Every structure is written in structure tokens, then in C-alpha cells.
Amino acid sequence: MDETVLQTREESPSAPDGARFRVTHVRGEHADKPPVVYLPGMFTGRNFWLSSRSVGLAAYLAHHGFPGLVVERRRTGCGGRPGLEDHLTQDLPLVQALVERTWKQPAFWMGHSFGGVLAARAAAGNPDQSRILGLVLFAAQFEVGKRGLHPPVSWLTSLVSHRLGRFPARRLGLGPVDEPPEAMDDAIRQVTEGRRKPDIRESLHRITVPVLAISGLGDKVDPTAGCERLVAHFASKDKRFIRAGRKTGFLQDYDHPGIVVSKPAQQEIWPLVLDWLVHRIPAS
């Protein structure tokens, strides 16, 4: 397979509230398999899945026949409220429709960190689970840790975000993308209400699609215990949880971004994901 051939194309769909967000189509030379929808976590964007040099998990899977859509969240000045909840309720249904219009078939949905939580919540809110082939979740959870998004530290997080007009993730070394205050407010609400109220947790019981969840044993941002809790809420019968670290036979104890973007992940995590996807392609 010629891995130099990769086609990308960007578009900016308009949501019902008038907001726009960016999606990137990615396609290899032989797009003969189902599509994949990629959702980045907080403080990251398209480059997490597909770099400017066309390197990343999205490119790797595209070269193996899986075309995809890399979805970016709303940003300040998008024309609507740039929050996580707005992205979930307004934008992701448009992505679902775009998938079906483009490929005439359902897609696998893949997310990292809060992108994985949003992918799970989107699946839980879909009354027709046949429209989703499966979920691949990396370091996704909201019930353990996350001191910056839980009181009392979350009060400071919110204050700083609104005072500056953004959360300074780049300055704090948390990631390459600063988040809008609205996104930080929604992240705080998702963590606090997700723990104190049963609504989000109970909604996840509606998920019945196949699930692959991978957690790094060196992840201090989203610990393995929380990732296990997230998947435990699902009703899926085909459910696999992987603890990626030295004690489980992996090259290293993967940290939060490294579970996807590191060199060792390219060697052993990416092929594992590819194999899981291939074995869950519906029979024609």
C-alpha cells in the first residue's frame, strides 16, 4: 500500500443555532472500509489525530482503508455558544448526518479524553444504535481525579477563564489549544453533575454498540480507575477494556496524550485498534 497518497478536505458545517465548526475529511488511496469519526479532547484539535504533515492515527487508518472525519469543537467567535454541550447537541447530529450522506453507512466513533466522553454521550443519545458501528475510547472518563474541574479548584478555573476570555492551556503547558470559557464551564458541569447526579451515568446504560476502551497505566489526568467506571456503565455485550502499561505487556506505562500520539503507540496501540476495527466490519 502506498502510504504517500492521502487526500484531505475541510468544510465548516453550520449548526441550527448558526454556529460553525470545522471538520476534515481524510481518505487513503483505497477507501474500502467503513468511516471513522474522530473527536479530540480538551486543549487539542485536529492535529491530535492528523498533523499538518499527514501523520497520526487518522492517517494510519485511512491508509488501511478507513476514511474518516476529524471533528473540531466550536471556538470563540464561531457564531454561537462555543460550549461542549452545544457541540454535543447541535454539532454532532450534523456530523452523523454528514457521515450517512457521504458514505451511506454508519461509522465507528473514536474519541480521546473528553472527546471520548462526548462520543459516548452522543451514542447514548442516539435512539437507533445501528447508526453507530462501535466506539473506540482513549483515556475517557469524568468520575475520578480532575481536580481543576471539581470544587473548590473549579471555582478558580472558571474565574480565570472568564477573566481572560479563555482558559490558558498553552501557557500552563496543558495542550496547544486554549479553550473558551463556555467550554470550561460545561466541562466543570459535566464533572460535578456527572458525579453528584445520576442522569449522565444512567444515560450511558443505553449504549449497546461494540466498545474498545484503552487506558494508559501512566495516565495521571484520566486514571485507569475512572476509565473503567465509564465503560462499566455501558450495556454493550462486546466490550473490551485494555490497561496499557509494562505490567500488561506493553512497551511503557502510557500517559494521557501518549496513548495515541507517541512513537510506541504507533508501534503497538495503532495496530491493535486497526485489528479491532477490521474484526467489527459488518458482513456484506
C-alpha atoms as a PDB file:
ATOM      1  CA  MET A   1       0.000   0.000   0.000  1.00  0.00           C
ATOM      2  CA  ASP A   2       1.335   3.421  -0.965  1.00  0.00           C
ATOM      3  CA  GLU A   3       1.239   5.471   2.222  1.00  0.00           C
ATOM      4  CA  THR A   4       2.197   8.672   0.397  1.00  0.00           C
ATOM      5  CA  VAL A   5      -1.322   9.022  -1.022  1.00  0.00           C
ATOM      6  CA  LEU A   6      -3.657  10.774   1.409  1.00  0.00           C
ATOM      7  CA  GLN A   7      -6.488  13.091   0.468  1.00  0.00           C
ATOM      8  CA  THR A   8      -7.837  15.704   2.881  1.00  0.00           C
ATOM      9  CA  ARG A   9     -10.607  18.242   2.514  1.00  0.00           C
ATOM     10  CA  GLU A  10     -12.034  20.724   5.016  1.00  0.00           C
ATOM     11  CA  GLU A  11     -15.534  22.065   5.438  1.00  0.00           C
ATOM     12  CA  SER A  12     -17.354  24.110   8.058  1.00  0.00           C
ATOM     13  CA  PRO A  13     -20.927  22.922   8.653  1.00  0.00           C
ATOM     14  CA  SER A  14     -23.445  25.380  10.076  1.00  0.00           C
ATOM     15  CA  ALA A  15     -25.366  24.220  13.144  1.00  0.00           C
ATOM     16  CA  PRO A  16     -29.042  25.066  13.823  1.00  0.00           C
ATOM     17  CA  ASP A  17     -28.005  27.955  16.081  1.00  0.00           C
ATOM     18  CA  GLY A  18     -25.830  29.428  13.331  1.00  0.00           C
ATOM     19  CA  ALA A  19     -22.503  28.321  14.766  1.00  0.00           C
ATOM     20  CA  ARG A  20     -19.819  26.864  12.512  1.00  0.00           C
ATOM     21  CA  PHE A  21     -17.207  24.243  13.317  1.00  0.00           C
ATOM     22  CA  ARG A  22     -14.530  22.598  11.211  1.00  0.00           C
ATOM     23  CA  VAL A  23     -14.369  19.018  10.005  1.00  0.00           C
ATOM     24  CA  THR A  24     -11.583  17.474   7.945  1.00  0.00           C
ATOM     25  CA  HIS A  25     -12.266  14.621   5.541  1.00  0.00           C
ATOM     26  CA  VAL A  26      -9.363  12.177   5.329  1.00  0.00           C
ATOM     27  CA  ARG A  27      -9.124   9.397   2.778  1.00  0.00           C
ATOM     28  CA  GLY A  28      -6.422   6.989   1.686  1.00  0.00           C
ATOM     29  CA  GLU A  29      -5.960   5.559  -1.771  1.00  0.00           C
ATOM     30  CA  HIS A  30      -8.180   2.551  -1.063  1.00  0.00           C
ATOM     31  CA  ALA A  31     -11.222   3.663   0.984  1.00  0.00           C
ATOM     32  CA  ASP A  32     -12.965   0.295   1.039  1.00  0.00           C
ATOM     33  CA  LYS A  33     -13.917   0.130   4.728  1.00  0.00           C
ATOM     34  CA  PRO A  34     -16.401   1.987   6.970  1.00  0.00           C
ATOM     35  CA  PRO A  35     -15.668   5.572   8.039  1.00  0.00           C
ATOM     36  CA  VAL A  36     -14.347   6.697  11.410  1.00  0.00           C
ATOM     37  CA  VAL A  37     -15.355   9.897  13.241  1.00  0.00           C
ATOM     38  CA  TYR A  38     -12.569  11.375  15.399  1.00  0.00           C
ATOM     39  CA  LEU A  39     -13.249  13.659  18.385  1.00  0.00           C
ATOM     40  CA  PRO A  40     -10.277  15.348  20.117  1.00  0.00           C
ATOM     41  CA  GLY A  41     -10.165  16.041  23.833  1.00  0.00           C
ATOM     42  CA  MET A  42      -9.820  19.360  25.617  1.00  0.00           C
ATOM     43  CA  PHE A  43      -6.855  21.620  24.765  1.00  0.00           C
ATOM     44  CA  THR A  44      -6.267  19.824  21.448  1.00  0.00           C
ATOM     45  CA  GLY A  45      -7.648  19.941  17.920  1.00  0.00           C
ATOM     46  CA  ARG A  46      -7.282  18.298  14.556  1.00  0.00           C
ATOM     47  CA  ASN A  47      -3.524  17.785  14.889  1.00  0.00           C
ATOM     48  CA  PHE A  48      -4.050  15.232  17.635  1.00  0.00           C
ATOM     49  CA  TRP A  49      -5.450  12.814  15.037  1.00  0.00           C
ATOM     50  CA  LEU A  50      -3.932  14.220  11.848  1.00  0.00           C
ATOM     51  CA  SER A  51      -0.901  16.503  11.835  1.00  0.00           C
ATOM     52  CA  SER A  52      -0.104  19.130   9.228  1.00  0.00           C
ATOM     53  CA  ARG A  53       2.342  16.579   7.769  1.00  0.00           C
ATOM     54  CA  SER A  54      -0.473  13.989   7.467  1.00  0.00           C
ATOM     55  CA  VAL A  55       0.818  11.903  10.345  1.00  0.00           C
ATOM     56  CA  GLY A  56      -1.472  10.481  13.018  1.00  0.00           C
ATOM     57  CA  LEU A  57      -3.902   7.715  13.827  1.00  0.00           C
ATOM     58  CA  ALA A  58      -6.460   9.092  11.342  1.00  0.00           C
ATOM     59  CA  ALA A  59      -3.866   8.931   8.555  1.00  0.00           C
ATOM     60  CA  TYR A  60      -2.763   5.438   9.595  1.00  0.00           C
ATOM     61  CA  LEU A  61      -6.305   4.075   9.492  1.00  0.00           C
ATOM     62  CA  ALA A  62      -7.063   5.906   6.247  1.00  0.00           C
ATOM     63  CA  HIS A  63      -4.071   4.212   4.643  1.00  0.00           C
ATOM     64  CA  HIS A  64      -5.601   0.908   5.738  1.00  0.00           C
ATOM     65  CA  GLY A  65      -8.910   1.646   4.052  1.00  0.00           C
ATOM     66  CA  PHE A  66     -10.864   3.537   6.752  1.00  0.00           C
ATOM     67  CA  PRO A  67     -11.840   7.042   5.550  1.00  0.00           C
ATOM     68  CA  GLY A  68     -12.808   9.484   8.244  1.00  0.00           C
ATOM     69  CA  LEU A  69     -13.927  12.827   9.598  1.00  0.00           C
ATOM     70  CA  VAL A  70     -11.793  14.699  12.124  1.00  0.00           C
ATOM     71  CA  VAL A  71     -14.228  16.934  14.012  1.00  0.00           C
ATOM     72  CA  GLU A  72     -13.136  20.064  15.841  1.00  0.00           C
ATOM     73  CA  ARG A  73     -15.181  21.772  18.520  1.00  0.00           C
ATOM     74  CA  ARG A  74     -16.560  25.274  18.355  1.00  0.00           C
ATOM     75  CA  ARG A  75     -14.219  28.140  19.151  1.00  0.00           C
ATOM     76  CA  THR A  76     -14.806  31.700  20.311  1.00  0.00           C
ATOM     77  CA  GLY A  77     -16.384  33.732  17.525  1.00  0.00           C
ATOM     78  CA  CYS A  78     -17.949  30.675  15.857  1.00  0.00           C
ATOM     79  CA  GLY A  79     -21.341  32.369  15.600  1.00  0.00           C
ATOM     80  CA  GLY A  80     -22.927  30.547  18.528  1.00  0.00           C
ATOM     81  CA  ARG A  81     -22.128  29.470  22.068  1.00  0.00           C
ATOM     82  CA  PRO A  82     -18.766  27.611  21.989  1.00  0.00           C
ATOM     83  CA  GLY A  83     -19.588  25.076  24.691  1.00  0.00           C
ATOM     84  CA  LEU A  84     -19.224  21.315  24.972  1.00  0.00           C
ATOM     85  CA  GLU A  85     -22.960  20.829  25.407  1.00  0.00           C
ATOM     86  CA  ASP A  86     -23.690  22.881  22.286  1.00  0.00           C
ATOM     87  CA  HIS A  87     -21.198  20.750  20.365  1.00  0.00           C
ATOM     88  CA  LEU A  88     -22.879  17.596  21.637  1.00  0.00           C
ATOM     89  CA  THR A  89     -26.486  18.577  20.968  1.00  0.00           C
ATOM     90  CA  GLN A  90     -26.130  20.792  17.877  1.00  0.00           C
ATOM     91  CA  ASP A  91     -22.962  19.780  16.018  1.00  0.00           C
ATOM     92  CA  LEU A  92     -22.598  16.028  16.453  1.00  0.00           C
ATOM     93  CA  PRO A  93     -26.048  15.246  14.972  1.00  0.00           C
ATOM     94  CA  LEU A  94     -24.863  17.168  11.890  1.00  0.00           C
ATOM     95  CA  VAL A  95     -21.743  15.003  11.816  1.00  0.00           C
ATOM     96  CA  GLN A  96     -23.943  11.891  11.972  1.00  0.00           C
ATOM     97  CA  ALA A  97     -25.961  13.173   9.009  1.00  0.00           C
ATOM     98  CA  LEU A  98     -22.785  14.076   7.109  1.00  0.00           C
ATOM     99  CA  VAL A  99     -21.449  10.536   7.593  1.00  0.00           C
ATOM    100  CA  GLU A 100     -24.628   8.972   6.271  1.00  0.00           C
ATOM    101  CA  ARG A 101     -24.834  11.387   3.353  1.00  0.00           C
ATOM    102  CA  THR A 102     -21.199  10.870   2.375  1.00  0.00           C
ATOM    103  CA  TRP A 103     -20.759   7.133   2.872  1.00  0.00           C
ATOM    104  CA  LYS A 104     -24.315   5.754   3.008  1.00  0.00           C
ATOM    105  CA  GLN A 105     -23.352   3.641   6.018  1.00  0.00           C
ATOM    106  CA  PRO A 106     -22.706   4.022   9.760  1.00  0.00           C
ATOM    107  CA  ALA A 107     -19.305   4.900  11.211  1.00  0.00           C
ATOM    108  CA  PHE A 108     -17.073   3.980  14.107  1.00  0.00           C
ATOM    109  CA  TRP A 109     -16.749   6.871  16.573  1.00  0.00           C
ATOM    110  CA  MET A 110     -13.387   7.461  18.247  1.00  0.00           C
ATOM    111  CA  GLY A 111     -12.556   9.932  20.999  1.00  0.00           C
ATOM    112  CA  HIS A 112      -9.741  10.883  23.356  1.00  0.00           C
ATOM    113  CA  SER A 113     -10.323  12.163  26.899  1.00  0.00           C
ATOM    114  CA  PHE A 114     -13.423  14.406  26.936  1.00  0.00           C
ATOM    115  CA  GLY A 115     -13.750  13.694  23.216  1.00  0.00           C
ATOM    116  CA  GLY A 116     -14.331  10.083  24.203  1.00  0.00           C
ATOM    117  CA  VAL A 117     -16.900  11.100  26.800  1.00  0.00           C
ATOM    118  CA  LEU A 118     -18.716  13.176  24.159  1.00  0.00           C
ATOM    119  CA  ALA A 119     -18.617  10.239  21.730  1.00  0.00           C
ATOM    120  CA  ALA A 120     -20.153   8.006  24.390  1.00  0.00           C
ATOM    121  CA  ARG A 121     -22.820  10.558  25.267  1.00  0.00           C
ATOM    122  CA  ALA A 122     -23.647  11.038  21.587  1.00  0.00           C
ATOM    123  CA  ALA A 123     -24.075   7.278  21.212  1.00  0.00           C
ATOM    124  CA  ALA A 124     -26.206   7.125  24.348  1.00  0.00           C
ATOM    125  CA  GLY A 125     -28.464   9.838  22.966  1.00  0.00           C
ATOM    126  CA  ASN A 126     -28.936   8.081  19.629  1.00  0.00           C
ATOM    127  CA  PRO A 127     -32.193   6.097  19.713  1.00  0.00           C
ATOM    128  CA  ASP A 128     -31.037   3.998  16.747  1.00  0.00           C
ATOM    129  CA  GLN A 129     -27.832   2.289  17.834  1.00  0.00           C
ATOM    130  CA  SER A 130     -27.483   0.661  14.409  1.00  0.00           C
ATOM    131  CA  ARG A 131     -26.347   4.068  13.113  1.00  0.00           C
ATOM    132  CA  ILE A 132     -23.055   3.565  15.022  1.00  0.00           C
ATOM    133  CA  LEU A 133     -20.720   0.642  14.313  1.00  0.00           C
ATOM    134  CA  GLY A 134     -18.764   0.957  17.549  1.00  0.00           C
ATOM    135  CA  LEU A 135     -16.865   3.204  19.950  1.00  0.00           C
ATOM    136  CA  VAL A 136     -13.094   3.441  20.448  1.00  0.00           C
ATOM    137  CA  LEU A 137     -12.276   5.425  23.578  1.00  0.00           C
ATOM    138  CA  PHE A 138      -8.839   6.549  24.761  1.00  0.00           C
ATOM    139  CA  ALA A 139      -8.353   7.851  28.320  1.00  0.00           C
ATOM    140  CA  ALA A 140     -12.042   8.781  28.568  1.00  0.00           C
ATOM    141  CA  GLN A 141     -13.773   9.368  31.912  1.00  0.00           C
ATOM    142  CA  PHE A 142     -15.244  12.021  34.220  1.00  0.00           C
ATOM    143  CA  GLU A 143     -15.575  10.346  37.637  1.00  0.00           C
ATOM    144  CA  VAL A 144     -12.028  10.180  39.054  1.00  0.00           C
ATOM    145  CA  GLY A 145      -9.491  12.970  39.602  1.00  0.00           C
ATOM    146  CA  LYS A 146      -9.836  16.150  37.504  1.00  0.00           C
ATOM    147  CA  ARG A 147      -9.284  18.460  40.489  1.00  0.00           C
ATOM    148  CA  GLY A 148      -9.279  21.509  38.229  1.00  0.00           C
ATOM    149  CA  LEU A 149     -12.852  20.750  37.156  1.00  0.00           C
ATOM    150  CA  HIS A 150     -14.241  19.962  40.596  1.00  0.00           C
ATOM    151  CA  PRO A 151     -14.951  22.319  43.522  1.00  0.00           C
ATOM    152  CA  PRO A 152     -13.222  24.131  45.055  1.00  0.00           C
ATOM    153  CA  VAL A 153     -10.463  24.319  42.387  1.00  0.00           C
ATOM    154  CA  SER A 154     -13.063  24.600  39.614  1.00  0.00           C
ATOM    155  CA  TRP A 155     -14.112  27.994  41.015  1.00  0.00           C
ATOM    156  CA  LEU A 156     -10.643  29.323  40.208  1.00  0.00           C
ATOM    157  CA  THR A 157     -10.679  27.598  36.806  1.00  0.00           C
ATOM    158  CA  SER A 158     -13.932  29.325  35.906  1.00  0.00           C
ATOM    159  CA  LEU A 159     -12.795  32.693  37.269  1.00  0.00           C
ATOM    160  CA  VAL A 160      -9.542  32.627  35.270  1.00  0.00           C
ATOM    161  CA  SER A 161     -11.340  31.521  32.090  1.00  0.00           C
ATOM    162  CA  HIS A 162     -13.880  34.325  32.214  1.00  0.00           C
ATOM    163  CA  ARG A 163     -11.382  36.960  33.334  1.00  0.00           C
ATOM    164  CA  LEU A 164      -9.035  36.176  30.414  1.00  0.00           C
ATOM    165  CA  GLY A 165     -11.740  35.290  27.905  1.00  0.00           C
ATOM    166  CA  ARG A 166     -10.140  31.857  27.512  1.00  0.00           C
ATOM    167  CA  PHE A 167      -8.546  29.117  29.585  1.00  0.00           C
ATOM    168  CA  PRO A 168      -4.755  29.489  29.060  1.00  0.00           C
ATOM    169  CA  ALA A 169      -3.920  25.851  28.346  1.00  0.00           C
ATOM    170  CA  ARG A 170      -0.869  26.734  26.258  1.00  0.00           C
ATOM    171  CA  ARG A 171       0.639  28.941  28.957  1.00  0.00           C
ATOM    172  CA  LEU A 172       0.036  26.241  31.571  1.00  0.00           C
ATOM    173  CA  GLY A 173       1.538  23.512  29.397  1.00  0.00           C
ATOM    174  CA  LEU A 174      -1.703  21.548  29.221  1.00  0.00           C
ATOM    175  CA  GLY A 175      -2.032  21.491  25.447  1.00  0.00           C
ATOM    176  CA  PRO A 176      -1.724  23.517  22.254  1.00  0.00           C
ATOM    177  CA  VAL A 177      -5.274  24.948  22.221  1.00  0.00           C
ATOM    178  CA  ASP A 178      -6.816  27.426  24.675  1.00  0.00           C
ATOM    179  CA  GLU A 179     -10.460  26.696  25.484  1.00  0.00           C
ATOM    180  CA  PRO A 180     -13.383  29.183  25.539  1.00  0.00           C
ATOM    181  CA  PRO A 181     -14.852  29.956  28.972  1.00  0.00           C
ATOM    182  CA  GLU A 182     -18.114  28.307  27.899  1.00  0.00           C
ATOM    183  CA  ALA A 183     -16.322  25.022  27.176  1.00  0.00           C
ATOM    184  CA  MET A 184     -14.647  25.133  30.593  1.00  0.00           C
ATOM    185  CA  ASP A 185     -17.996  25.835  32.289  1.00  0.00           C
ATOM    186  CA  ASP A 186     -19.527  22.812  30.544  1.00  0.00           C
ATOM    187  CA  ALA A 187     -16.549  20.611  31.442  1.00  0.00           C
ATOM    188  CA  ILE A 188     -16.925  21.628  35.101  1.00  0.00           C
ATOM    189  CA  ARG A 189     -20.658  20.950  34.979  1.00  0.00           C
ATOM    190  CA  GLN A 190     -20.113  17.561  33.326  1.00  0.00           C
ATOM    191  CA  VAL A 191     -17.705  16.501  36.067  1.00  0.00           C
ATOM    192  CA  THR A 192     -19.615  17.868  39.065  1.00  0.00           C
ATOM    193  CA  GLU A 193     -23.122  16.892  37.938  1.00  0.00           C
ATOM    194  CA  GLY A 194     -21.859  13.635  36.447  1.00  0.00           C
ATOM    195  CA  ARG A 195     -20.696  12.625  39.912  1.00  0.00           C
ATOM    196  CA  ARG A 196     -23.487  14.102  42.012  1.00  0.00           C
ATOM    197  CA  LYS A 197     -26.484  13.319  39.812  1.00  0.00           C
ATOM    198  CA  PRO A 198     -27.342  10.037  38.056  1.00  0.00           C
ATOM    199  CA  ASP A 199     -28.504  11.500  34.729  1.00  0.00           C
ATOM    200  CA  ILE A 200     -25.319  11.164  32.658  1.00  0.00           C
ATOM    201  CA  ARG A 201     -24.329   7.829  34.184  1.00  0.00           C
ATOM    202  CA  GLU A 202     -27.787   6.336  33.657  1.00  0.00           C
ATOM    203  CA  SER A 203     -27.944   7.594  30.073  1.00  0.00           C
ATOM    204  CA  LEU A 204     -24.809   5.580  29.291  1.00  0.00           C
ATOM    205  CA  HIS A 205     -26.737   2.367  30.048  1.00  0.00           C
ATOM    206  CA  ARG A 206     -28.381   2.825  26.644  1.00  0.00           C
ATOM    207  CA  ILE A 207     -25.109   2.120  24.810  1.00  0.00           C
ATOM    208  CA  THR A 208     -25.188  -1.345  23.224  1.00  0.00           C
ATOM    209  CA  VAL A 209     -22.640  -0.968  20.395  1.00  0.00           C
ATOM    210  CA  PRO A 210     -19.219  -2.692  20.469  1.00  0.00           C
ATOM    211  CA  VAL A 211     -16.676  -0.799  22.568  1.00  0.00           C
ATOM    212  CA  LEU A 212     -12.885  -0.751  22.746  1.00  0.00           C
ATOM    213  CA  ALA A 213     -11.555   1.373  25.617  1.00  0.00           C
ATOM    214  CA  ILE A 214      -7.832   1.880  26.221  1.00  0.00           C
ATOM    215  CA  SER A 215      -6.316   3.467  29.309  1.00  0.00           C
ATOM    216  CA  GLY A 216      -2.651   4.191  29.982  1.00  0.00           C
ATOM    217  CA  LEU A 217      -1.329   2.977  33.319  1.00  0.00           C
ATOM    218  CA  GLY A 218       0.841   6.103  33.478  1.00  0.00           C
ATOM    219  CA  ASP A 219      -2.084   8.476  32.925  1.00  0.00           C
ATOM    220  CA  LYS A 220      -2.389  10.987  35.782  1.00  0.00           C
ATOM    221  CA  VAL A 221      -5.044  13.105  34.017  1.00  0.00           C
ATOM    222  CA  ASP A 222      -7.656  10.409  33.445  1.00  0.00           C
ATOM    223  CA  PRO A 223      -6.683   7.445  35.633  1.00  0.00           C
ATOM    224  CA  THR A 224      -7.490   3.881  34.663  1.00  0.00           C
ATOM    225  CA  ALA A 225      -9.984   3.527  37.534  1.00  0.00           C
ATOM    226  CA  GLY A 226     -12.141   6.290  36.070  1.00  0.00           C
ATOM    227  CA  CYS A 227     -11.913   4.906  32.534  1.00  0.00           C
ATOM    228  CA  GLU A 228     -13.078   1.519  33.817  1.00  0.00           C
ATOM    229  CA  ARG A 229     -16.029   3.174  35.532  1.00  0.00           C
ATOM    230  CA  LEU A 230     -17.109   4.872  32.314  1.00  0.00           C
ATOM    231  CA  VAL A 231     -17.184   1.619  30.341  1.00  0.00           C
ATOM    232  CA  ALA A 232     -18.884  -0.225  33.206  1.00  0.00           C
ATOM    233  CA  HIS A 233     -21.969   1.943  32.652  1.00  0.00           C
ATOM    234  CA  PHE A 234     -22.434   0.638  29.090  1.00  0.00           C
ATOM    235  CA  ALA A 235     -24.826  -2.214  28.274  1.00  0.00           C
ATOM    236  CA  SER A 236     -22.641  -3.398  25.371  1.00  0.00           C
ATOM    237  CA  LYS A 237     -22.074  -7.148  25.182  1.00  0.00           C
ATOM    238  CA  ASP A 238     -18.972  -6.691  23.009  1.00  0.00           C
ATOM    239  CA  LYS A 239     -16.835  -4.639  25.372  1.00  0.00           C
ATOM    240  CA  ARG A 240     -13.040  -4.731  25.701  1.00  0.00           C
ATOM    241  CA  PHE A 241     -11.014  -2.704  28.193  1.00  0.00           C
ATOM    242  CA  ILE A 242      -7.227  -2.513  27.867  1.00  0.00           C
ATOM    243  CA  ARG A 243      -4.831  -1.298  30.573  1.00  0.00           C
ATOM    244  CA  ALA A 244      -1.756  -0.229  28.601  1.00  0.00           C
ATOM    245  CA  GLY A 245       1.408  -0.493  30.665  1.00  0.00           C
ATOM    246  CA  ARG A 246       4.502  -2.537  31.300  1.00  0.00           C
ATOM    247  CA  LYS A 247       2.785  -4.927  33.708  1.00  0.00           C
ATOM    248  CA  THR A 248       0.277  -5.821  30.976  1.00  0.00           C
ATOM    249  CA  GLY A 249       2.939  -6.418  28.327  1.00  0.00           C
ATOM    250  CA  PHE A 250       3.165  -3.010  26.652  1.00  0.00           C
ATOM    251  CA  LEU A 251       6.317  -1.051  25.894  1.00  0.00           C
ATOM    252  CA  GLN A 252       5.640   1.609  28.514  1.00  0.00           C
ATOM    253  CA  ASP A 253       3.143   2.934  31.030  1.00  0.00           C
ATOM    254  CA  TYR A 254       1.290   5.222  28.633  1.00  0.00           C
ATOM    255  CA  ASP A 255       0.437   8.740  29.755  1.00  0.00           C
ATOM    256  CA  HIS A 256      -2.539  10.857  28.726  1.00  0.00           C
ATOM    257  CA  PRO A 257      -1.545  12.039  25.226  1.00  0.00           C
ATOM    258  CA  GLY A 258       0.973   9.246  24.659  1.00  0.00           C
ATOM    259  CA  ILE A 259      -1.737   6.592  24.474  1.00  0.00           C
ATOM    260  CA  VAL A 260      -2.360   7.921  20.938  1.00  0.00           C
ATOM    261  CA  VAL A 261       0.441  10.227  19.759  1.00  0.00           C
ATOM    262  CA  SER A 262       3.694   8.624  20.960  1.00  0.00           C
ATOM    263  CA  LYS A 263       6.131   6.552  18.898  1.00  0.00           C
ATOM    264  CA  PRO A 264       5.461   3.426  20.999  1.00  0.00           C
ATOM    265  CA  ALA A 265       1.707   3.937  20.428  1.00  0.00           C
ATOM    266  CA  GLN A 266       2.336   3.880  16.679  1.00  0.00           C
ATOM    267  CA  GLN A 267       4.079   0.535  17.103  1.00  0.00           C
ATOM    268  CA  GLU A 268       1.578  -1.270  19.317  1.00  0.00           C
ATOM    269  CA  ILE A 269      -1.587   0.748  20.023  1.00  0.00           C
ATOM    270  CA  TRP A 270      -2.437   1.738  16.453  1.00  0.00           C
ATOM    271  CA  PRO A 271      -2.190  -1.836  15.071  1.00  0.00           C
ATOM    272  CA  LEU A 272      -4.324  -3.058  17.984  1.00  0.00           C
ATOM    273  CA  VAL A 273      -7.033  -0.508  17.110  1.00  0.00           C
ATOM    274  CA  LEU A 274      -6.830  -1.426  13.430  1.00  0.00           C
ATOM    275  CA  ASP A 275      -7.291  -5.112  14.220  1.00  0.00           C
ATOM    276  CA  TRP A 276     -10.299  -4.375  16.451  1.00  0.00           C
ATOM    277  CA  LEU A 277     -11.955  -2.273  13.738  1.00  0.00           C
ATOM    278  CA  VAL A 278     -11.322  -4.823  10.983  1.00  0.00           C
ATOM    279  CA  HIS A 279     -12.951  -7.586  13.014  1.00  0.00           C
ATOM    280  CA  ARG A 280     -16.095  -5.484  13.535  1.00  0.00           C
ATOM    281  CA  ILE A 281     -16.821  -4.556   9.955  1.00  0.00           C
ATOM    282  CA  PRO A 282     -20.318  -5.829   9.173  1.00  0.00           C
ATOM    283  CA  ALA A 283     -20.504  -8.727   6.745  1.00  0.00           C
ATOM    284  CA  SER A 284     -21.566  -7.528   3.309  1.00  0.00           C
END
